[in-house]
Protein backbone atom coordinates (compact mmCIF):
# COMPACT_ATOMS: atom_id res chain seq x y z
CA MET A 1 3.65 11.61 -10.94
CA THR A 2 3.49 13.84 -13.87
CA ASP A 3 4.63 11.75 -16.87
CA THR A 4 1.89 10.27 -18.94
CA ASP A 5 3.93 7.22 -20.04
CA LYS A 6 5.20 6.10 -16.59
CA ALA A 7 3.58 3.90 -13.87
CA MET A 8 4.25 2.92 -10.32
CA VAL A 9 4.13 -0.68 -9.59
CA LEU A 10 3.21 -1.57 -5.98
CA PRO A 11 3.93 -4.84 -4.17
CA LYS A 12 0.91 -7.01 -3.72
CA VAL A 13 0.32 -8.20 -0.22
CA ALA A 14 -2.56 -10.11 1.46
CA ARG A 15 -3.61 -8.19 4.65
CA PRO A 16 -0.55 -6.07 5.02
CA HIS A 17 -1.79 -4.61 8.38
CA LEU A 18 -1.41 -8.18 9.70
CA THR A 19 1.38 -9.74 7.67
CA ILE A 20 4.02 -6.92 7.50
CA GLN A 21 5.69 -6.90 10.85
CA ASN A 22 7.85 -3.73 10.73
CA PRO A 23 6.49 -1.38 8.01
CA ALA A 24 8.34 1.74 7.26
CA PRO A 25 6.50 5.06 7.40
CA GLY A 26 5.21 5.81 3.95
CA MET A 27 5.09 2.28 2.78
CA MET A 28 2.51 1.62 0.08
CA VAL A 29 1.22 -1.77 -1.02
CA PHE A 30 -1.79 -3.26 -2.71
CA ASP A 31 -4.02 -5.26 -0.35
CA THR A 32 -5.10 -8.27 -2.46
CA VAL A 33 -7.79 -9.25 -0.07
CA LYS A 34 -9.57 -5.87 0.28
CA ARG A 35 -8.43 -4.83 -3.28
CA GLN A 36 -7.39 -1.44 -1.93
CA LEU A 37 -4.30 0.71 -1.76
CA ALA A 38 -2.72 0.45 1.80
CA VAL A 39 -0.49 3.21 3.08
CA TYR A 40 1.32 3.13 6.43
CA ASN A 41 1.84 6.66 7.95
CA GLY A 42 4.25 5.39 10.70
CA THR A 43 1.50 4.66 13.20
CA VAL A 44 -1.53 3.08 11.28
CA TRP A 45 -2.52 1.71 8.02
CA SER A 46 -4.94 3.59 5.78
CA PHE A 47 -6.92 1.81 3.05
CA TRP A 48 -7.93 3.79 -0.04
CA LYS A 49 -10.70 2.66 -2.30
CA PRO A 50 -10.27 3.07 -6.01
């Protein structure tokens, strides 16, 4: 993202690695339990701390 006046709004999901049954590769959500960004790479979830 290069614009200074735009934002990306992610879905909020509790424990996405347990609750999302068929995630698509590249899926990004905000884990409301861990309070972290969760990204699915097609095989595993990665959790990014702010």
